[in-house]
Amino acid sequence: MSATVKLYSLNLSNVRTYLFAALFIIGNMLFPQLAHLIPGGGLMLLPIYFFTLIGAYKYGIHVGILTAVLSPVVNSLLFGMPVLVVVPAIMFKSIILAVAASLAARYFGKISIWGILIAVLAYQVIGTGFEWILVRDFSVAIQDFRIGFPGMIIQLFGGYLVLKALQKV
């Protein structure tokens, strides 16, 4: 499952970098609000990572990092979710996702289900290790794999479909 796509690597001096980052941050604010309408939806659907994946894969590392850093901070300040104590772990995972997605896009040069899978697994595995060090509780650190598996599936296939829909943009 792959399709040719126009991928960008926008730099920090490009206004479009900040415009796309702002759009993806808004997406990362709206998707969690919708997910939280479902009991346990945030933990199960992992919504705050979705548009970081899309932004980094399609528009590069700078859009991805801006989205990764600002999404959890803005959500926490405006909505109280995620709670401040978990913002560092979410931000770290988001940054890893942005780096992994942008590297996968550069490596594959097209929308690739394998590239998206590698990005999702990279941020989850590395992020779980970091979270385990941070919280010193393996069961908490591993909860994305235990509870958030549906969210990872949405990231994989939903991310592929959204990227495919954006391929001409």
Protein backbone atom coordinates (compact mmCIF):
# COMPACT_ATOMS: atom_id res chain seq x y z
CA MET A 1 0.00 0.00 0.00
CA SER A 2 1.88 3.03 -1.21
CA ALA A 3 1.21 5.99 -3.40
CA THR A 4 3.36 8.68 -4.91
CA VAL A 5 3.06 11.90 -2.97
CA LYS A 6 4.51 15.36 -2.95
CA LEU A 7 6.43 15.58 0.33
CA TYR A 8 7.94 18.80 1.59
CA SER A 9 10.67 19.75 3.96
CA LEU A 10 9.66 23.25 4.95
CA ASN A 11 12.29 25.28 6.79
CA LEU A 12 11.82 27.67 9.68
CA SER A 13 12.10 30.77 7.48
CA ASN A 14 9.08 29.71 5.43
CA VAL A 15 5.74 31.19 6.55
CA ARG A 16 4.00 28.01 5.37
CA THR A 17 5.86 26.10 8.10
CA TYR A 18 4.04 28.08 10.78
CA LEU A 19 0.72 28.04 8.91
CA PHE A 20 0.74 24.25 8.55
CA ALA A 21 1.97 23.79 12.12
CA ALA A 22 -0.91 25.99 13.35
CA LEU A 23 -3.42 23.92 11.35
CA PHE A 24 -2.05 20.66 12.73
CA ILE A 25 -2.01 22.04 16.28
CA ILE A 26 -5.68 22.95 15.86
CA GLY A 27 -6.31 19.39 14.63
CA ASN A 28 -4.46 18.08 17.68
CA MET A 29 -6.76 20.23 19.83
CA LEU A 30 -10.04 19.20 18.17
CA PHE A 31 -9.37 15.46 17.81
CA PRO A 32 -8.69 14.98 21.55
CA GLN A 33 -11.85 16.93 22.40
CA LEU A 34 -13.84 14.52 20.24
CA ALA A 35 -12.00 11.49 21.62
CA HIS A 36 -12.74 12.54 25.19
CA LEU A 37 -16.47 12.30 24.46
CA ILE A 38 -15.90 8.53 24.64
CA PRO A 39 -15.13 7.22 28.14
CA GLY A 40 -11.39 6.50 28.18
CA GLY A 41 -11.16 7.84 24.63
CA GLY A 42 -7.96 9.78 25.20
CA LEU A 43 -6.05 6.78 26.52
CA MET A 44 -7.56 4.45 23.94
CA LEU A 45 -7.40 6.58 20.77
CA LEU A 46 -4.15 8.54 21.43
CA PRO A 47 -5.58 11.53 19.54
CA ILE A 48 -2.92 14.12 20.37
CA TYR A 49 -0.36 12.36 18.17
CA PHE A 50 -2.40 12.03 14.98
CA PHE A 51 -1.77 15.39 13.33
CA THR A 52 1.85 15.42 14.48
CA LEU A 53 2.29 12.27 12.40
CA ILE A 54 0.55 13.83 9.38
CA GLY A 55 2.39 17.16 9.63
CA ALA A 56 5.84 15.62 10.02
CA TYR A 57 5.35 13.01 7.30
CA LYS A 58 3.92 15.46 4.76
CA TYR A 59 5.69 18.74 5.58
CA GLY A 60 8.88 17.72 7.36
CA ILE A 61 10.68 17.90 10.65
CA HIS A 62 10.06 21.59 11.43
CA VAL A 63 6.28 21.39 11.04
CA GLY A 64 6.36 18.13 12.99
CA ILE A 65 8.43 19.47 15.89
CA LEU A 66 6.38 22.66 16.19
CA THR A 67 3.21 20.58 16.26
CA ALA A 68 4.72 18.05 18.68
CA VAL A 69 5.86 20.65 21.20
CA LEU A 70 2.96 23.06 21.08
CA SER A 71 0.01 20.63 20.88
CA PRO A 72 0.30 19.15 24.40
CA VAL A 73 1.19 22.53 25.93
CA VAL A 74 -1.72 24.40 24.31
CA ASN A 75 -4.16 21.56 25.10
CA SER A 76 -3.04 21.46 28.70
CA LEU A 77 -3.27 25.23 29.15
CA LEU A 78 -6.65 25.60 27.42
CA PHE A 79 -8.42 22.38 28.42
CA GLY A 80 -6.46 20.92 31.33
CA MET A 81 -5.83 17.79 29.26
CA PRO A 82 -3.33 16.37 29.28
CA VAL A 83 -2.68 17.17 32.92
CA LEU A 84 0.63 18.97 33.43
CA VAL A 85 2.33 15.99 35.06
CA VAL A 86 2.09 13.92 31.83
CA VAL A 87 2.94 16.72 29.39
CA PRO A 88 6.70 15.91 29.38
CA ALA A 89 6.09 12.27 28.42
CA ILE A 90 3.55 13.20 25.74
CA MET A 91 5.81 15.93 24.40
CA PHE A 92 8.79 13.55 24.28
CA LYS A 93 6.75 10.91 22.44
CA SER A 94 5.42 13.56 20.07
CA ILE A 95 8.93 14.79 19.26
CA ILE A 96 10.10 11.22 18.62
CA LEU A 97 7.07 10.73 16.36
CA ALA A 98 7.86 13.94 14.43
CA VAL A 99 11.48 12.89 13.91
CA ALA A 100 10.57 9.31 12.98
CA ALA A 101 7.78 10.34 10.59
CA SER A 102 9.89 12.93 8.80
CA LEU A 103 12.79 10.48 8.47
CA ALA A 104 10.47 7.73 7.21
CA ALA A 105 8.96 10.08 4.62
CA ARG A 106 12.42 11.10 3.45
CA TYR A 107 13.61 7.49 3.31
CA PHE A 108 10.60 6.08 1.46
CA GLY A 109 9.95 9.22 -0.61
CA LYS A 110 6.26 8.38 -0.82
CA ILE A 111 3.30 7.53 1.36
CA SER A 112 4.20 4.16 2.75
CA ILE A 113 2.27 2.05 5.21
CA TRP A 114 5.66 0.66 6.29
CA GLY A 115 7.04 4.16 6.86
CA ILE A 116 4.05 5.11 8.99
CA LEU A 117 4.28 1.83 10.90
CA ILE A 118 7.97 2.41 11.61
CA ALA A 119 7.24 5.96 12.82
CA VAL A 120 4.43 4.79 15.13
CA LEU A 121 6.46 1.91 16.53
CA ALA A 122 9.53 4.13 17.00
CA TYR A 123 7.70 6.74 19.06
CA GLN A 124 5.89 4.10 21.07
CA VAL A 125 8.91 1.95 21.86
CA ILE A 126 11.32 4.83 22.57
CA GLY A 127 8.58 6.82 24.31
CA THR A 128 7.63 3.87 26.51
CA GLY A 129 11.25 3.55 27.65
CA PHE A 130 11.42 7.27 28.43
CA GLU A 131 8.08 7.20 30.24
CA TRP A 132 9.19 4.19 32.29
CA ILE A 133 12.29 6.12 33.41
CA LEU A 134 10.16 9.20 34.11
CA VAL A 135 7.31 7.59 36.09
CA ARG A 136 9.17 4.51 37.36
CA ASP A 137 6.10 2.37 36.76
CA PHE A 138 6.23 -0.11 33.88
CA SER A 139 2.46 -0.67 33.84
CA VAL A 140 1.86 3.07 33.36
CA ALA A 141 4.60 3.32 30.73
CA ILE A 142 3.22 0.43 28.71
CA GLN A 143 -0.42 1.63 28.76
CA ASP A 144 -0.30 2.88 25.17
CA PHE A 145 0.34 -0.70 24.09
CA ARG A 146 -2.27 -2.12 26.49
CA ILE A 147 -5.02 0.48 26.10
CA GLY A 148 -3.97 2.62 23.15
CA PHE A 149 -3.68 -0.10 20.52
CA PRO A 150 -6.84 1.15 18.71
CA GLY A 151 -5.20 4.59 18.53
CA MET A 152 -2.07 3.13 16.98
CA ILE A 153 -4.22 1.36 14.38
CA ILE A 154 -5.99 4.66 13.64
CA GLN A 155 -2.62 6.38 13.30
CA LEU A 156 -1.41 3.70 10.90
CA PHE A 157 -4.41 3.35 8.59
CA GLY A 158 -6.05 6.73 9.23
CA GLY A 159 -2.69 8.43 8.78
CA TYR A 160 -2.18 6.59 5.51
CA LEU A 161 -5.64 7.61 4.25
CA VAL A 162 -5.25 11.27 5.29
CA LEU A 163 -1.79 11.48 3.72
CA LYS A 164 -3.14 9.88 0.57
CA ALA A 165 -5.98 12.45 0.50
CA LEU A 166 -3.39 15.23 0.90
CA GLN A 167 -1.08 13.89 -1.81
CA LYS A 168 -1.98 16.62 -4.30
CA VAL A 169 -1.75 19.48 -1.81
